[in-house]
Amino acid sequence: MTRAARVRTALRTRPLPALLLVLALAAGGCAAWTGYDWYRAAHDDRTAYAAQRDAALAAGEQAVQNLNTLDHRDLSQGLDLWESSTTGELHDQLASGRTEFAEQVKTAKTVTTARVLSGAVTELDDRAGRARVLVALRVTVKASDGAKTDKDSRMLGELTRTGGRWKLSALGQAPVGGAPAG
């Protein structure tokens, strides 16, 4: 009897070990495929880019919220938060006008709180460490007489990565509305 014939006979007489061998080979193939897919995904540049985009968006939303929140009763902490959320020219403007602005807020006795409604990264240059975000937020201003007003606004922010963190380097109102119908 040839070797091939002996194998066929063994497979017919002992089907359980043959089935286990086939299942083990199939499991090994699935494990190899899954490992390859995981490795490929872990080393994909798009994954790193998406992580930077998400980090820039989270930092941008938080910084815009920080710069639209201020309580006259705890100005020092609020203004420190403003400065720690910014960099570059925006940071310099906030730091140089801090004393004058603090006096205005103390006189007005307002409490301003902001809540982010939505946000999006509109541009991201990961290599240069620059990003732009569009953030929609609702700002609530409580006056000294207790009156509250809500205002929805859209802000455009420019972010710069500094020290491994994204910080606001510019902030302004986003234009509202579209082109007139013609």
Protein backbone atom coordinates (compact mmCIF):
# COMPACT_ATOMS: atom_id res chain seq x y z
CA MET A 1 0.00 0.00 0.00
CA THR A 2 1.35 3.41 -0.97
CA ARG A 3 1.75 6.23 1.47
CA ALA A 4 -1.10 8.25 -0.13
CA ALA A 5 -3.40 5.27 0.15
CA ARG A 6 -2.52 4.84 3.82
CA VAL A 7 -3.34 8.55 4.45
CA ARG A 8 -6.71 8.22 2.69
CA THR A 9 -7.48 5.12 4.71
CA ALA A 10 -6.49 6.84 7.95
CA LEU A 11 -8.69 9.84 7.12
CA ARG A 12 -11.65 7.56 6.44
CA THR A 13 -11.20 5.50 9.57
CA ARG A 14 -10.37 8.43 11.92
CA PRO A 15 -12.43 11.47 10.80
CA LEU A 16 -12.17 13.39 14.12
CA PRO A 17 -8.38 14.04 13.98
CA ALA A 18 -8.74 15.02 10.32
CA LEU A 19 -11.51 17.45 11.16
CA LEU A 20 -9.43 18.91 14.01
CA LEU A 21 -6.48 19.35 11.64
CA VAL A 22 -8.67 21.20 9.11
CA LEU A 23 -10.13 23.42 11.87
CA ALA A 24 -6.66 24.17 13.25
CA LEU A 25 -5.44 25.17 9.79
CA ALA A 26 -8.49 27.38 9.25
CA ALA A 27 -8.02 29.05 12.67
CA GLY A 28 -4.33 29.63 11.90
CA GLY A 29 -5.25 31.19 8.56
CA CYS A 30 -7.81 33.48 10.22
CA ALA A 31 -5.30 34.51 12.88
CA ALA A 32 -2.67 35.29 10.25
CA TRP A 33 -5.17 37.35 8.21
CA THR A 34 -6.39 39.27 11.26
CA GLY A 35 -2.82 39.95 12.38
CA TYR A 36 -1.90 41.23 8.94
CA ASP A 37 -4.97 43.54 8.87
CA TRP A 38 -4.19 44.85 12.35
CA TYR A 39 -0.55 45.53 11.45
CA ARG A 40 -1.54 47.30 8.24
CA ALA A 41 -4.10 49.48 10.07
CA ALA A 42 -1.68 50.31 12.89
CA HIS A 43 0.97 51.49 10.42
CA ASP A 44 -1.36 53.38 8.09
CA ASP A 45 -0.60 57.11 7.76
CA ARG A 46 -4.32 57.83 7.56
CA THR A 47 -4.77 56.58 11.11
CA ALA A 48 -2.13 58.98 12.45
CA TYR A 49 -3.65 61.82 10.40
CA ALA A 50 -7.12 61.07 11.78
CA ALA A 51 -5.73 61.05 15.33
CA GLN A 52 -4.15 64.49 14.77
CA ARG A 53 -7.40 65.79 13.28
CA ASP A 54 -9.35 64.56 16.29
CA ALA A 55 -6.80 66.06 18.69
CA ALA A 56 -6.91 69.41 16.87
CA LEU A 57 -10.72 69.44 16.92
CA ALA A 58 -10.93 68.61 20.63
CA ALA A 59 -8.33 71.26 21.51
CA GLY A 60 -9.96 73.83 19.22
CA GLU A 61 -13.44 73.29 20.65
CA GLN A 62 -12.13 73.49 24.21
CA ALA A 63 -10.06 76.62 23.54
CA VAL A 64 -12.96 78.42 21.84
CA GLN A 65 -15.20 77.50 24.77
CA ASN A 66 -12.52 78.72 27.21
CA LEU A 67 -12.22 82.08 25.45
CA ASN A 68 -15.98 82.61 25.60
CA THR A 69 -16.33 81.75 29.29
CA LEU A 70 -15.47 84.22 32.05
CA ASP A 71 -16.78 84.90 35.56
CA HIS A 72 -16.17 88.32 37.13
CA ARG A 73 -15.94 86.64 40.56
CA ASP A 74 -12.90 84.54 39.50
CA LEU A 75 -11.21 86.62 36.82
CA SER A 76 -7.70 85.47 37.54
CA GLN A 77 -8.45 81.80 36.91
CA GLY A 78 -10.51 82.58 33.79
CA LEU A 79 -7.87 84.83 32.27
CA ASP A 80 -5.13 82.30 33.11
CA LEU A 81 -7.18 79.72 31.23
CA TRP A 82 -7.45 82.09 28.27
CA GLU A 83 -3.70 82.51 28.19
CA SER A 84 -2.97 78.79 28.55
CA SER A 85 -5.34 78.06 25.63
CA THR A 86 -3.57 80.41 23.21
CA THR A 87 -0.24 80.99 21.53
CA GLY A 88 1.43 83.49 19.25
CA GLU A 89 -0.06 86.89 18.52
CA LEU A 90 -3.44 86.03 20.10
CA HIS A 91 -1.70 85.07 23.33
CA ASP A 92 0.33 88.28 23.27
CA GLN A 93 -2.82 90.39 22.76
CA LEU A 94 -4.61 88.71 25.65
CA ALA A 95 -1.63 89.03 27.97
CA SER A 96 -0.98 92.70 27.15
CA GLY A 97 -4.64 93.73 27.56
CA ARG A 98 -5.33 91.59 30.60
CA THR A 99 -5.42 94.33 33.25
CA GLU A 100 -7.65 96.70 31.27
CA PHE A 101 -10.03 93.90 30.29
CA ALA A 102 -10.22 92.61 33.88
CA GLU A 103 -11.29 96.05 35.05
CA GLN A 104 -14.04 96.22 32.41
CA VAL A 105 -15.41 92.81 33.42
CA LYS A 106 -15.27 93.69 37.14
CA THR A 107 -17.21 96.88 36.45
CA ALA A 108 -19.83 95.10 34.32
CA LYS A 109 -20.07 92.18 36.81
CA THR A 110 -20.97 89.67 34.10
CA VAL A 111 -20.73 85.90 34.01
CA THR A 112 -20.30 84.45 30.54
CA THR A 113 -20.51 80.72 29.86
CA ALA A 114 -20.13 78.97 26.55
CA ARG A 115 -21.22 75.54 25.38
CA VAL A 116 -19.95 73.99 22.16
CA LEU A 117 -22.79 72.87 19.90
CA SER A 118 -20.65 71.40 17.14
CA GLY A 119 -17.26 71.72 15.54
CA ALA A 120 -15.25 70.67 12.52
CA VAL A 121 -11.69 70.81 11.30
CA THR A 122 -11.70 72.72 8.02
CA GLU A 123 -7.96 72.48 7.32
CA LEU A 124 -5.13 70.43 8.76
CA ASP A 125 -1.45 70.60 7.89
CA ASP A 126 -0.02 68.03 10.26
CA ARG A 127 3.57 68.54 9.09
CA ALA A 128 3.47 72.32 9.60
CA GLY A 129 1.50 71.98 12.86
CA ARG A 130 -1.35 74.22 11.69
CA ALA A 131 -5.11 73.66 11.65
CA ARG A 132 -8.34 75.62 11.26
CA VAL A 133 -11.57 74.84 13.04
CA LEU A 134 -15.13 76.02 12.78
CA VAL A 135 -16.96 75.90 16.10
CA ALA A 136 -20.64 76.60 16.73
CA LEU A 137 -21.42 77.57 20.29
CA ARG A 138 -24.05 79.03 22.53
CA VAL A 139 -22.85 81.83 24.80
CA THR A 140 -24.95 82.72 27.84
CA VAL A 141 -24.32 86.11 29.44
CA LYS A 142 -25.66 86.74 32.91
CA ALA A 143 -25.71 90.44 33.77
CA SER A 144 -25.30 91.89 37.26
CA ASP A 145 -29.09 92.35 37.52
CA GLY A 146 -29.61 88.60 36.92
CA ALA A 147 -30.88 88.91 33.35
CA LYS A 148 -29.64 86.15 31.04
CA THR A 149 -29.24 86.26 27.30
CA ASP A 150 -28.20 83.49 24.94
CA LYS A 151 -26.41 84.06 21.70
CA ASP A 152 -25.48 81.42 19.17
CA SER A 153 -22.36 82.11 17.17
CA ARG A 154 -19.91 80.45 14.85
CA MET A 155 -16.23 81.01 15.40
CA LEU A 156 -13.28 80.36 13.10
CA GLY A 157 -10.12 79.44 14.94
CA GLU A 158 -6.59 78.89 13.79
CA LEU A 159 -4.55 76.41 15.79
CA THR A 160 -0.82 75.97 16.08
CA ARG A 161 0.81 72.89 17.55
CA THR A 162 3.28 74.02 20.16
CA GLY A 163 5.01 71.79 22.67
CA GLY A 164 3.01 68.83 21.36
CA ARG A 165 -0.32 70.56 22.12
CA TRP A 166 -2.75 72.38 19.84
CA LYS A 167 -3.44 75.99 20.92
CA LEU A 168 -5.46 78.82 19.41
CA SER A 169 -3.33 81.32 17.51
CA ALA A 170 -6.23 83.31 16.00
CA LEU A 171 -9.97 83.55 16.62
CA GLY A 172 -12.76 85.41 14.86
CA GLN A 173 -16.44 85.32 13.96
CA ALA A 174 -17.39 83.12 11.02
CA PRO A 175 -19.44 84.80 8.31
CA VAL A 176 -23.11 83.85 8.47
CA GLY A 177 -25.36 83.35 5.47
CA GLY A 178 -24.70 82.58 1.85
CA ALA A 179 -24.53 84.34 -1.44
CA PRO A 180 -27.70 86.10 -2.54
CA ALA A 181 -29.88 84.26 -5.00
CA GLY A 182 -29.58 85.57 -8.52
